[in-house]
PDB file of N, CA and C in Angstrom:
ATOM      1  N   MET A   1      89.430  77.389 105.303  1.00  0.00           N
ATOM      2  CA  MET A   1      90.708  77.532 105.964  1.00  0.00           C
ATOM      3  C   MET A   1      91.413  78.786 105.449  1.00  0.00           C
ATOM      4  N   PRO A   2      92.079  79.496 106.349  1.00  0.00           N
ATOM      5  CA  PRO A   2      92.823  80.681 105.911  1.00  0.00           C
ATOM      6  C   PRO A   2      93.956  80.299 104.958  1.00  0.00           C
ATOM      7  N   ARG A   3      94.223  81.194 104.036  1.00  0.00           N
ATOM      8  CA  ARG A   3      95.323  81.032 103.091  1.00  0.00           C
ATOM      9  C   ARG A   3      96.271  82.214 103.262  1.00  0.00           C
ATOM     10  N   ASN A   4      97.493  82.085 102.772  1.00  0.00           N
ATOM     11  CA  ASN A   4      98.461  83.174 102.874  1.00  0.00           C
ATOM     12  C   ASN A   4      97.931  84.463 102.261  1.00  0.00           C
ATOM     13  N   GLU A   5      97.143  84.346 101.207  1.00  0.00           N
ATOM     14  CA  GLU A   5      96.602  85.534 100.550  1.00  0.00           C
ATOM     15  C   GLU A   5      95.637  86.305 101.458  1.00  0.00           C
ATOM     16  N   ASP A   6      95.061  85.637 102.446  1.00  0.00           N
ATOM     17  CA  ASP A   6      94.117  86.280 103.359  1.00  0.00           C
ATOM     18  C   ASP A   6      94.802  87.217 104.353  1.00  0.00           C
ATOM     19  N   ALA A   7      96.100  87.081 104.536  1.00  0.00           N
ATOM     20  CA  ALA A   7      96.831  87.890 105.513  1.00  0.00           C
ATOM     21  C   ALA A   7      96.720  89.378 105.205  1.00  0.00           C
ATOM     22  N   ALA A   8      96.741  89.729 103.937  1.00  0.00           N
ATOM     23  CA  ALA A   8      96.657  91.141 103.547  1.00  0.00           C
ATOM     24  C   ALA A   8      95.355  91.767 104.018  1.00  0.00           C
ATOM     25  N   LEU A   9      94.266  91.013 103.995  1.00  0.00           N
ATOM     26  CA  LEU A   9      92.975  91.543 104.457  1.00  0.00           C
ATOM     27  C   LEU A   9      93.007  91.899 105.938  1.00  0.00           C
ATOM     28  N   GLY A  10      93.764  91.131 106.720  1.00  0.00           N
ATOM     29  CA  GLY A  10      93.879  91.404 108.150  1.00  0.00           C
ATOM     30  C   GLY A  10      95.084  92.245 108.504  1.00  0.00           C
ATOM     31  N   GLU A  11      95.764  92.792 107.485  1.00  0.00           N
ATOM     32  CA  GLU A  11      96.970  93.601 107.665  1.00  0.00           C
ATOM     33  C   GLU A  11      98.015  92.855 108.493  1.00  0.00           C
ATOM     34  N   ILE A  12      98.184  91.564 108.193  1.00  0.00           N
ATOM     35  CA  ILE A  12      99.139  90.708 108.885  1.00  0.00           C
ATOM     36  C   ILE A  12     100.328  90.483 107.966  1.00  0.00           C
ATOM     37  N   LYS A  13     101.546  90.695 108.502  1.00  0.00           N
ATOM     38  CA  LYS A  13     102.753  90.412 107.733  1.00  0.00           C
ATOM     39  C   LYS A  13     103.059  88.927 107.867  1.00  0.00           C
ATOM     40  N   LEU A  14     103.219  88.253 106.750  1.00  0.00           N
ATOM     41  CA  LEU A  14     103.556  86.840 106.774  1.00  0.00           C
ATOM     42  C   LEU A  14     104.994  86.643 107.211  1.00  0.00           C
ATOM     43  N   LYS A  15     105.240  85.581 107.962  1.00  0.00           N
ATOM     44  CA  LYS A  15     106.585  85.222 108.383  1.00  0.00           C
ATOM     45  C   LYS A  15     107.239  84.374 107.301  1.00  0.00           C
ATOM     46  N   ASP A  16     108.555  84.341 107.303  1.00  0.00           N
ATOM     47  CA  ASP A  16     109.310  83.518 106.382  1.00  0.00           C
ATOM     48  C   ASP A  16     108.909  82.054 106.571  1.00  0.00           C
ATOM     49  N   PHE A  17     108.621  81.363 105.489  1.00  0.00           N
ATOM     50  CA  PHE A  17     108.143  79.980 105.546  1.00  0.00           C
ATOM     51  C   PHE A  17     109.119  79.072 106.276  1.00  0.00           C
ATOM     52  N   HIS A  18     110.416  79.187 106.001  1.00  0.00           N
ATOM     53  CA  HIS A  18     111.409  78.300 106.607  1.00  0.00           C
ATOM     54  C   HIS A  18     111.581  78.585 108.094  1.00  0.00           C
ATOM     55  N   ALA A  19     111.561  79.849 108.489  1.00  0.00           N
ATOM     56  CA  ALA A  19     111.647  80.183 109.914  1.00  0.00           C
ATOM     57  C   ALA A  19     110.418  79.659 110.659  1.00  0.00           C
ATOM     58  N   GLU A  20     109.261  79.793 110.034  1.00  0.00           N
ATOM     59  CA  GLU A  20     108.015  79.322 110.638  1.00  0.00           C
ATOM     60  C   GLU A  20     108.023  77.800 110.806  1.00  0.00           C
ATOM     61  N   GLU A  21     108.455  77.077 109.784  1.00  0.00           N
ATOM     62  CA  GLU A  21     108.528  75.617 109.858  1.00  0.00           C
ATOM     63  C   GLU A  21     109.512  75.161 110.927  1.00  0.00           C
ATOM     64  N   ARG A  22     110.668  75.828 111.009  1.00  0.00           N
ATOM     65  CA  ARG A  22     111.669  75.500 112.026  1.00  0.00           C
ATOM     66  C   ARG A  22     111.078  75.682 113.424  1.00  0.00           C
ATOM     67  N   ALA A  23     110.422  76.797 113.659  1.00  0.00           N
ATOM     68  CA  ALA A  23     109.823  77.067 114.968  1.00  0.00           C
ATOM     69  C   ALA A  23     108.725  76.056 115.295  1.00  0.00           C
ATOM     70  N   ILE A  24     107.857  75.770 114.349  1.00  0.00           N
ATOM     71  CA  ILE A  24     106.760  74.823 114.577  1.00  0.00           C
ATOM     72  C   ILE A  24     107.307  73.442 114.932  1.00  0.00           C
ATOM     73  N   ASN A  25     108.294  72.959 114.199  1.00  0.00           N
ATOM     74  CA  ASN A  25     108.862  71.637 114.472  1.00  0.00           C
ATOM     75  C   ASN A  25     109.538  71.578 115.835  1.00  0.00           C
ATOM     76  N   ASP A  26     110.308  72.611 116.179  1.00  0.00           N
ATOM     77  CA  ASP A  26     110.988  72.613 117.476  1.00  0.00           C
ATOM     78  C   ASP A  26     109.993  72.694 118.628  1.00  0.00           C
ATOM     79  N   ILE A  27     108.975  73.511 118.483  1.00  0.00           N
ATOM     80  CA  ILE A  27     107.966  73.626 119.540  1.00  0.00           C
ATOM     81  C   ILE A  27     107.205  72.316 119.693  1.00  0.00           C
ATOM     82  N   ALA A  28     106.828  71.701 118.588  1.00  0.00           N
ATOM     83  CA  ALA A  28     106.077  70.440 118.643  1.00  0.00           C
ATOM     84  C   ALA A  28     106.854  69.350 119.364  1.00  0.00           C
ATOM     85  N   CYS A  29     108.165  69.352 119.226  1.00  0.00           N
ATOM     86  CA  CYS A  29     108.988  68.312 119.856  1.00  0.00           C
ATOM     87  C   CYS A  29     109.246  68.578 121.342  1.00  0.00           C
ATOM     88  N   SER A  30     108.966  69.769 121.823  1.00  0.00           N
ATOM     89  CA  SER A  30     109.295  70.094 123.212  1.00  0.00           C
ATOM     90  C   SER A  30     108.118  70.634 124.013  1.00  0.00           C
ATOM     91  N   VAL A  31     106.925  70.581 123.466  1.00  0.00           N
ATOM     92  CA  VAL A  31     105.769  71.219 124.102  1.00  0.00           C
ATOM     93  C   VAL A  31     105.399  70.582 125.449  1.00  0.00           C
ATOM     94  N   ARG A  32     105.728  69.332 125.666  1.00  0.00           N
ATOM     95  CA  ARG A  32     105.405  68.703 126.950  1.00  0.00           C
ATOM     96  C   ARG A  32     106.271  69.216 128.091  1.00  0.00           C
ATOM     97  N   ALA A  33     107.501  69.575 127.788  1.00  0.00           N
ATOM     98  CA  ALA A  33     108.422  70.000 128.833  1.00  0.00           C
ATOM     99  C   ALA A  33     108.482  71.514 129.010  1.00  0.00           C
ATOM    100  N   PHE A  34     108.051  72.265 128.006  1.00  0.00           N
ATOM    101  CA  PHE A  34     108.151  73.716 128.065  1.00  0.00           C
ATOM    102  C   PHE A  34     106.827  74.375 127.711  1.00  0.00           C
ATOM    103  N   ALA A  35     106.589  75.520 128.332  1.00  0.00           N
ATOM    104  CA  ALA A  35     105.423  76.334 128.017  1.00  0.00           C
ATOM    105  C   ALA A  35     105.885  77.448 127.087  1.00  0.00           C
ATOM    106  N   TYR A  36     105.042  77.815 126.151  1.00  0.00           N
ATOM    107  CA  TYR A  36     105.355  78.845 125.168  1.00  0.00           C
ATOM    108  C   TYR A  36     104.269  79.909 125.189  1.00  0.00           C
ATOM    109  N   ARG A  37     104.684  81.150 124.936  1.00  0.00           N
ATOM    110  CA  ARG A  37     103.743  82.261 124.815  1.00  0.00           C
ATOM    111  C   ARG A  37     104.211  83.182 123.708  1.00  0.00           C
ATOM    112  N   SER A  38     103.268  83.917 123.180  1.00  0.00           N
ATOM    113  CA  SER A  38     103.624  84.880 122.145  1.00  0.00           C
ATOM    114  C   SER A  38     104.375  86.061 122.765  1.00  0.00           C
ATOM    115  N   CYS A  39     105.103  86.740 121.929  1.00  0.00           N
ATOM    116  CA  CYS A  39     105.828  87.947 122.320  1.00  0.00           C
ATOM    117  C   CYS A  39     105.208  89.109 121.561  1.00  0.00           C
ATOM    118  N   LYS A  40     104.998  90.218 122.238  1.00  0.00           N
ATOM    119  CA  LYS A  40     104.318  91.344 121.587  1.00  0.00           C
ATOM    120  C   LYS A  40     105.089  91.882 120.393  1.00  0.00           C
ATOM    121  N   TRP A  41     106.389  91.643 120.329  1.00  0.00           N
ATOM    122  CA  TRP A  41     107.206  92.164 119.241  1.00  0.00           C
ATOM    123  C   TRP A  41     107.189  91.274 118.010  1.00  0.00           C
ATOM    124  N   ASN A  42     106.635  90.082 118.088  1.00  0.00           N
ATOM    125  CA  ASN A  42     106.688  89.157 116.964  1.00  0.00           C
ATOM    126  C   ASN A  42     106.094  89.743 115.684  1.00  0.00           C
ATOM    127  N   THR A  43     105.057  90.538 115.802  1.00  0.00           N
ATOM    128  CA  THR A  43     104.423  91.101 114.600  1.00  0.00           C
ATOM    129  C   THR A  43     105.190  92.290 114.028  1.00  0.00           C
ATOM    130  N   THR A  44     106.122  92.855 114.791  1.00  0.00           N
ATOM    131  CA  THR A  44     106.842  94.032 114.310  1.00  0.00           C
ATOM    132  C   THR A  44     108.266  93.724 113.853  1.00  0.00           C
ATOM    133  N   VAL A  45     108.823  92.582 114.241  1.00  0.00           N
ATOM    134  CA  VAL A  45     110.181  92.247 113.816  1.00  0.00           C
ATOM    135  C   VAL A  45     110.178  91.796 112.358  1.00  0.00           C
ATOM    136  N   ASP A  46     111.356  91.697 111.791  1.00  0.00           N
ATOM    137  CA  ASP A  46     111.532  91.263 110.406  1.00  0.00           C
ATOM    138  C   ASP A  46     110.794  89.952 110.150  1.00  0.00           C
ATOM    139  N   PRO A  47     110.161  89.790 108.998  1.00  0.00           N
ATOM    140  CA  PRO A  47     109.442  88.543 108.699  1.00  0.00           C
ATOM    141  C   PRO A  47     110.312  87.285 108.763  1.00  0.00           C
ATOM    142  N   GLU A  48     111.640  87.432 108.653  1.00  0.00           N
ATOM    143  CA  GLU A  48     112.523  86.275 108.772  1.00  0.00           C
ATOM    144  C   GLU A  48     112.708  85.834 110.218  1.00  0.00           C
ATOM    145  N   ASN A  49     112.265  86.646 111.165  1.00  0.00           N
ATOM    146  CA  ASN A  49     112.413  86.319 112.579  1.00  0.00           C
ATOM    147  C   ASN A  49     111.077  85.983 113.211  1.00  0.00           C
ATOM    148  N   ILE A  50     111.110  85.012 114.110  1.00  0.00           N
ATOM    149  CA  ILE A  50     109.951  84.663 114.927  1.00  0.00           C
ATOM    150  C   ILE A  50     110.425  84.697 116.368  1.00  0.00           C
ATOM    151  N   VAL A  51     109.759  85.487 117.212  1.00  0.00           N
ATOM    152  CA  VAL A  51     110.155  85.586 118.615  1.00  0.00           C
ATOM    153  C   VAL A  51     108.989  85.183 119.513  1.00  0.00           C
ATOM    154  N   PHE A  52     109.322  84.502 120.589  1.00  0.00           N
ATOM    155  CA  PHE A  52     108.311  84.115 121.572  1.00  0.00           C
ATOM    156  C   PHE A  52     108.976  83.804 122.893  1.00  0.00           C
ATOM    157  N   LYS A  53     108.159  83.620 123.923  1.00  0.00           N
ATOM    158  CA  LYS A  53     108.629  83.341 125.277  1.00  0.00           C
ATOM    159  C   LYS A  53     108.628  81.837 125.527  1.00  0.00           C
ATOM    160  N   ILE A  54     109.548  81.399 126.387  1.00  0.00           N
ATOM    161  CA  ILE A  54     109.627  79.994 126.770  1.00  0.00           C
ATOM    162  C   ILE A  54     109.974  79.897 128.252  1.00  0.00           C
ATOM    163  N   ARG A  55     109.438  78.888 128.899  1.00  0.00           N
ATOM    164  CA  ARG A  55     109.809  78.570 130.286  1.00  0.00           C
ATOM    165  C   ARG A  55     109.457  77.114 130.535  1.00  0.00           C
ATOM    166  N   GLU A  56     109.981  76.574 131.609  1.00  0.00           N
ATOM    167  CA  GLU A  56     109.636  75.192 131.922  1.00  0.00           C
ATOM    168  C   GLU A  56     108.135  75.091 132.119  1.00  0.00           C
ATOM    169  N   ASN A  57     107.569  73.974 131.705  1.00  0.00           N
ATOM    170  CA  ASN A  57     106.124  73.779 131.731  1.00  0.00           C
ATOM    171  C   ASN A  57     105.595  73.783 133.162  1.00  0.00           C
ATOM    172  N   LEU A  58     104.592  74.606 133.423  1.00  0.00           N
ATOM    173  CA  LEU A  58     103.997  74.711 134.756  1.00  0.00           C
ATOM    174  C   LEU A  58     103.406  73.389 135.220  1.00  0.00           C
ATOM    175  N   GLU A  59     102.953  72.560 134.289  1.00  0.00           N
ATOM    176  CA  GLU A  59     102.333  71.292 134.633  1.00  0.00           C
ATOM    177  C   GLU A  59     103.283  70.382 135.408  1.00  0.00           C
ATOM    178  N   PHE A  60     104.571  70.515 135.147  1.00  0.00           N
ATOM    179  CA  PHE A  60     105.555  69.665 135.791  1.00  0.00           C
ATOM    180  C   PHE A  60     106.177  70.324 137.017  1.00  0.00           C
ATOM    181  N   ASP A  61     105.736  71.496 137.396  1.00  0.00           N
ATOM    182  CA  ASP A  61     106.290  72.216 138.538  1.00  0.00           C
ATOM    183  C   ASP A  61     105.157  72.545 139.507  1.00  0.00           C
ATOM    184  N   ARG A  62     104.794  71.603 140.330  1.00  0.00           N
ATOM    185  CA  ARG A  62     103.653  71.771 141.228  1.00  0.00           C
ATOM    186  C   ARG A  62     103.847  72.880 142.260  1.00  0.00           C
ATOM    187  N   GLU A  63     105.091  73.214 142.584  1.00  0.00           N
ATOM    188  CA  GLU A  63     105.370  74.236 143.591  1.00  0.00           C
ATOM    189  C   GLU A  63     105.348  75.648 143.017  1.00  0.00           C
ATOM    190  N   PHE A  64     105.308  75.787 141.715  1.00  0.00           N
ATOM    191  CA  PHE A  64     105.427  77.096 141.085  1.00  0.00           C
ATOM    192  C   PHE A  64     104.077  77.536 140.549  1.00  0.00           C
ATOM    193  N   PHE A  65     103.443  78.460 141.249  1.00  0.00           N
ATOM    194  CA  PHE A  65     102.117  78.908 140.833  1.00  0.00           C
ATOM    195  C   PHE A  65     102.107  80.353 140.336  1.00  0.00           C
ATOM    196  N   GLU A  66     103.215  81.057 140.477  1.00  0.00           N
ATOM    197  CA  GLU A  66     103.286  82.434 140.019  1.00  0.00           C
ATOM    198  C   GLU A  66     103.680  82.463 138.548  1.00  0.00           C
ATOM    199  N   ASP A  67     103.409  83.573 137.909  1.00  0.00           N
ATOM    200  CA  ASP A  67     103.730  83.706 136.500  1.00  0.00           C
ATOM    201  C   ASP A  67     104.118  85.148 136.219  1.00  0.00           C
ATOM    202  N   HIS A  68     105.409  85.444 136.333  1.00  0.00           N
ATOM    203  CA  HIS A  68     105.888  86.808 136.171  1.00  0.00           C
ATOM    204  C   HIS A  68     106.814  86.904 134.964  1.00  0.00           C
ATOM    205  N   GLU A  69     106.970  88.093 134.453  1.00  0.00           N
ATOM    206  CA  GLU A  69     107.835  88.334 133.298  1.00  0.00           C
ATOM    207  C   GLU A  69     109.245  87.762 133.478  1.00  0.00           C
ATOM    208  N   PRO A  70     109.898  87.918 134.634  1.00  0.00           N
ATOM    209  CA  PRO A  70     111.261  87.361 134.764  1.00  0.00           C
ATOM    210  C   PRO A  70     111.323  85.832 134.673  1.00  0.00           C
ATOM    211  N   ASP A  71     110.198  85.157 134.777  1.00  0.00           N
ATOM    212  CA  ASP A  71     110.186  83.697 134.684  1.00  0.00           C
ATOM    213  C   ASP A  71     110.358  83.213 133.246  1.00  0.00           C
ATOM    214  N   TRP A  72     110.159  84.096 132.286  1.00  0.00           N
ATOM    215  CA  TRP A  72     110.198  83.725 130.869  1.00  0.00           C
ATOM    216  C   TRP A  72     111.516  84.135 130.246  1.00  0.00           C
ATOM    217  N   ARG A  73     111.976  83.307 129.305  1.00  0.00           N
ATOM    218  CA  ARG A  73     113.119  83.656 128.458  1.00  0.00           C
ATOM    219  C   ARG A  73     112.575  83.810 127.043  1.00  0.00           C
ATOM    220  N   TYR A  74     113.293  84.516 126.218  1.00  0.00           N
ATOM    221  CA  TYR A  74     112.820  84.804 124.865  1.00  0.00           C
ATOM    222  C   TYR A  74     113.713  84.131 123.831  1.00  0.00           C
ATOM    223  N   LEU A  75     113.069  83.489 122.868  1.00  0.00           N
ATOM    224  CA  LEU A  75     113.765  82.823 121.772  1.00  0.00           C
ATOM    225  C   LEU A  75     113.501  83.569 120.479  1.00  0.00           C
ATOM    226  N   MET A  76     114.489  83.541 119.598  1.00  0.00           N
ATOM    227  CA  MET A  76     114.302  84.112 118.278  1.00  0.00           C
ATOM    228  C   MET A  76     114.763  83.093 117.238  1.00  0.00           C
ATOM    229  N   PHE A  77     113.887  82.840 116.272  1.00  0.00           N
ATOM    230  CA  PHE A  77     114.179  81.933 115.167  1.00  0.00           C
ATOM    231  C   PHE A  77     114.471  82.721 113.905  1.00  0.00           C
ATOM    232  N   TRP A  78     115.397  82.216 113.106  1.00  0.00           N
ATOM    233  CA  TRP A  78     115.663  82.644 111.746  1.00  0.00           C
ATOM    234  C   TRP A  78     115.344  81.445 110.860  1.00  0.00           C
ATOM    235  N   PRO A  79     115.404  81.582 109.557  1.00  0.00           N
ATOM    236  CA  PRO A  79     115.150  80.410 108.701  1.00  0.00           C
ATOM    237  C   PRO A  79     116.137  79.267 108.918  1.00  0.00           C
ATOM    238  N   ASN A  80     117.352  79.579 109.431  1.00  0.00           N
ATOM    239  CA  ASN A  80     118.379  78.546 109.549  1.00  0.00           C
ATOM    240  C   ASN A  80     118.983  78.386 110.947  1.00  0.00           C
ATOM    241  N   LYS A  81     118.450  79.088 111.955  1.00  0.00           N
ATOM    242  CA  LYS A  81     119.045  78.989 113.292  1.00  0.00           C
ATOM    243  C   LYS A  81     118.075  79.504 114.350  1.00  0.00           C
ATOM    244  N   VAL A  82     118.458  79.334 115.612  1.00  0.00           N
ATOM    245  CA  VAL A  82     117.659  79.777 116.752  1.00  0.00           C
ATOM    246  C   VAL A  82     118.613  80.174 117.881  1.00  0.00           C
ATOM    247  N   CYS A  83     118.185  81.111 118.736  1.00  0.00           N
ATOM    248  CA  CYS A  83     118.988  81.469 119.909  1.00  0.00           C
ATOM    249  C   CYS A  83     118.110  82.201 120.920  1.00  0.00           C
ATOM    250  N   PHE A  84     118.628  82.313 122.144  1.00  0.00           N
ATOM    251  CA  PHE A  84     117.982  83.155 123.137  1.00  0.00           C
ATOM    252  C   PHE A  84     118.297  84.604 122.791  1.00  0.00           C
ATOM    253  N   SER A  85     117.330  85.481 123.017  1.00  0.00           N
ATOM    254  CA  SER A  85     117.444  86.880 122.626  1.00  0.00           C
ATOM    255  C   SER A  85     117.285  87.792 123.837  1.00  0.00           C
ATOM    256  N   ARG A  86     117.723  89.034 123.683  1.00  0.00           N
ATOM    257  CA  ARG A  86     117.564  90.040 124.749  1.00  0.00           C
ATOM    258  C   ARG A  86     116.195  90.708 124.723  1.00  0.00           C
ATOM    259  N   ILE A  87     115.407  90.425 123.718  1.00  0.00           N
ATOM    260  CA  ILE A  87     114.100  91.063 123.558  1.00  0.00           C
ATOM    261  C   ILE A  87     113.210  90.766 124.771  1.00  0.00           C
ATOM    262  N   ARG A  88     112.389  91.736 125.180  1.00  0.00           N
ATOM    263  CA  ARG A  88     111.463  91.575 126.304  1.00  0.00           C
ATOM    264  C   ARG A  88     110.167  92.312 125.975  1.00  0.00           C
ATOM    265  N   ASP A  89     109.058  91.782 126.429  1.00  0.00           N
ATOM    266  CA  ASP A  89     107.767  92.449 126.228  1.00  0.00           C
ATOM    267  C   ASP A  89     107.712  93.791 126.935  1.00  0.00           C
ATOM    268  N   THR A  90     108.478  93.940 127.999  1.00  0.00           N
ATOM    269  CA  THR A  90     108.436  95.175 128.784  1.00  0.00           C
ATOM    270  C   THR A  90     109.283  96.297 128.183  1.00  0.00           C
ATOM    271  N   ASP A  91     110.081  95.994 127.156  1.00  0.00           N
ATOM    272  CA  ASP A  91     110.919  97.006 126.518  1.00  0.00           C
ATOM    273  C   ASP A  91     110.078  97.956 125.674  1.00  0.00           C
ATOM    274  N   GLU A  92     110.559  99.201 125.527  1.00  0.00           N
ATOM    275  CA  GLU A  92     109.866 100.171 124.686  1.00  0.00           C
ATOM    276  C   GLU A  92     110.151  99.945 123.204  1.00  0.00           C
ATOM    277  N   THR A  93     111.317  99.410 122.908  1.00  0.00           N
ATOM    278  CA  THR A  93     111.674  99.022 121.543  1.00  0.00           C
ATOM    279  C   THR A  93     112.332  97.645 121.621  1.00  0.00           C
ATOM    280  N   PRO A  94     112.174  96.831 120.586  1.00  0.00           N
ATOM    281  CA  PRO A  94     112.727  95.476 120.655  1.00  0.00           C
ATOM    282  C   PRO A  94     114.254  95.460 120.541  1.00  0.00           C
ATOM    283  N   ASP A  95     114.896  94.749 121.453  1.00  0.00           N
ATOM    284  CA  ASP A  95     116.344  94.555 121.429  1.00  0.00           C
ATOM    285  C   ASP A  95     116.597  93.181 120.821  1.00  0.00           C
ATOM    286  N   LEU A  96     116.953  93.131 119.552  1.00  0.00           N
ATOM    287  CA  LEU A  96     117.068  91.876 118.822  1.00  0.00           C
ATOM    288  C   LEU A  96     118.441  91.220 118.942  1.00  0.00           C
ATOM    289  N   ARG A  97     119.299  91.759 119.794  1.00  0.00           N
ATOM    290  CA  ARG A  97     120.615  91.157 119.947  1.00  0.00           C
ATOM    291  C   ARG A  97     120.512  89.795 120.635  1.00  0.00           C
ATOM    292  N   ILE A  98     121.505  88.981 120.382  1.00  0.00           N
ATOM    293  CA  ILE A  98     121.590  87.670 121.033  1.00  0.00           C
ATOM    294  C   ILE A  98     121.855  87.885 122.513  1.00  0.00           C
ATOM    295  N   ALA A  99     121.224  87.072 123.372  1.00  0.00           N
ATOM    296  CA  ALA A  99     121.393  87.198 124.819  1.00  0.00           C
ATOM    297  C   ALA A  99     122.859  86.991 125.204  1.00  0.00           C
ATOM    298  N   LEU A 100     123.275  87.648 126.263  1.00  0.00           N
ATOM    299  CA  LEU A 100     124.660  87.537 126.727  1.00  0.00           C
ATOM    300  C   LEU A 100     125.010  86.087 127.033  1.00  0.00           C
ATOM    301  N   GLY A 101     126.181  85.677 126.594  1.00  0.00           N
ATOM    302  CA  GLY A 101     126.652  84.329 126.857  1.00  0.00           C
ATOM    303  C   GLY A 101     126.013  83.261 125.989  1.00  0.00           C
ATOM    304  N   GLN A 102     125.232  83.659 124.984  1.00  0.00           N
ATOM    305  CA  GLN A 102     124.550  82.703 124.122  1.00  0.00           C
ATOM    306  C   GLN A 102     125.127  82.755 122.716  1.00  0.00           C
ATOM    307  N   GLU A 103     124.809  81.741 121.947  1.00  0.00           N
ATOM    308  CA  GLU A 103     125.171  81.704 120.534  1.00  0.00           C
ATOM    309  C   GLU A 103     124.044  81.036 119.777  1.00  0.00           C
ATOM    310  N   THR A 104     124.037  81.177 118.471  1.00  0.00           N
ATOM    311  CA  THR A 104     122.976  80.569 117.676  1.00  0.00           C
ATOM    312  C   THR A 104     123.229  79.074 117.510  1.00  0.00           C
ATOM    313  N   HIS A 105     122.148  78.332 117.334  1.00  0.00           N
ATOM    314  CA  HIS A 105     122.207  76.881 117.142  1.00  0.00           C
ATOM    315  C   HIS A 105     121.253  76.496 116.026  1.00  0.00           C
ATOM    316  N   SER A 106     121.425  75.287 115.520  1.00  0.00           N
ATOM    317  CA  SER A 106     120.545  74.829 114.448  1.00  0.00           C
ATOM    318  C   SER A 106     119.235  74.270 114.981  1.00  0.00           C
ATOM    319  N   LEU A 107     119.200  73.857 116.251  1.00  0.00           N
ATOM    320  CA  LEU A 107     117.989  73.287 116.854  1.00  0.00           C
ATOM    321  C   LEU A 107     117.711  73.908 118.211  1.00  0.00           C
ATOM    322  N   LEU A 108     116.445  73.992 118.565  1.00  0.00           N
ATOM    323  CA  LEU A 108     116.040  74.494 119.870  1.00  0.00           C
ATOM    324  C   LEU A 108     116.660  73.687 121.006  1.00  0.00           C
ATOM    325  N   PHE A 109     116.709  72.365 120.848  1.00  0.00           N
ATOM    326  CA  PHE A 109     117.273  71.520 121.906  1.00  0.00           C
ATOM    327  C   PHE A 109     118.716  71.892 122.227  1.00  0.00           C
ATOM    328  N   GLN A 110     119.476  72.295 121.228  1.00  0.00           N
ATOM    329  CA  GLN A 110     120.849  72.710 121.458  1.00  0.00           C
ATOM    330  C   GLN A 110     120.897  73.995 122.279  1.00  0.00           C
ATOM    331  N   CYS A 111     119.976  74.915 122.034  1.00  0.00           N
ATOM    332  CA  CYS A 111     119.885  76.140 122.834  1.00  0.00           C
ATOM    333  C   CYS A 111     119.578  75.799 124.288  1.00  0.00           C
ATOM    334  N   LEU A 112     118.646  74.905 124.484  1.00  0.00           N
ATOM    335  CA  LEU A 112     118.215  74.553 125.833  1.00  0.00           C
ATOM    336  C   LEU A 112     119.317  73.841 126.604  1.00  0.00           C
ATOM    337  N   GLU A 113     120.128  73.056 125.927  1.00  0.00           N
ATOM    338  CA  GLU A 113     121.242  72.373 126.593  1.00  0.00           C
ATOM    339  C   GLU A 113     122.317  73.328 127.046  1.00  0.00           C
ATOM    340  N   THR A 114     122.569  74.389 126.270  1.00  0.00           N
ATOM    341  CA  THR A 114     123.640  75.322 126.588  1.00  0.00           C
ATOM    342  C   THR A 114     123.157  76.541 127.355  1.00  0.00           C
ATOM    343  N   GLY A 115     121.829  76.776 127.335  1.00  0.00           N
ATOM    344  CA  GLY A 115     121.288  78.001 127.894  1.00  0.00           C
ATOM    345  C   GLY A 115     120.876  77.863 129.281  1.00  0.00           C
TER     346      GLY A 115
END
C-alpha cells in the first residue's frame, strides 16, 4: 500500500490531513446524490485546499445525458470549512475566491442547502 513517504517519489504534493479527511467524509455521505470529478487545479493549489467538481448524480437524472463544463460547480475544502469556489478547469490561472453569493460552511451539506 502507498504511504505518505512515497509521494516524493512521484513528485506529488501531499494535501493537509484535516482538509483531506473533511473532504472524504463529506463526499462519502453524499456520493449517492452527487457526482464528483477531479479539478485540474487541485495539484497546484495550496496543500491546505482541496478542489473538485460536483453536480447532481447522473444516475438519478434520466433525461440528462450531456456532460458539459457549465453543468459542474466547484467546491473548495480547507481543514476547517468548505465553500463553492470561482475556480474552473477552463481558466488559465486558478481563481480561488469564494463564488459570488456564497459563504464558507463547516459541512458540505450546508453548502448544498444554501447554494
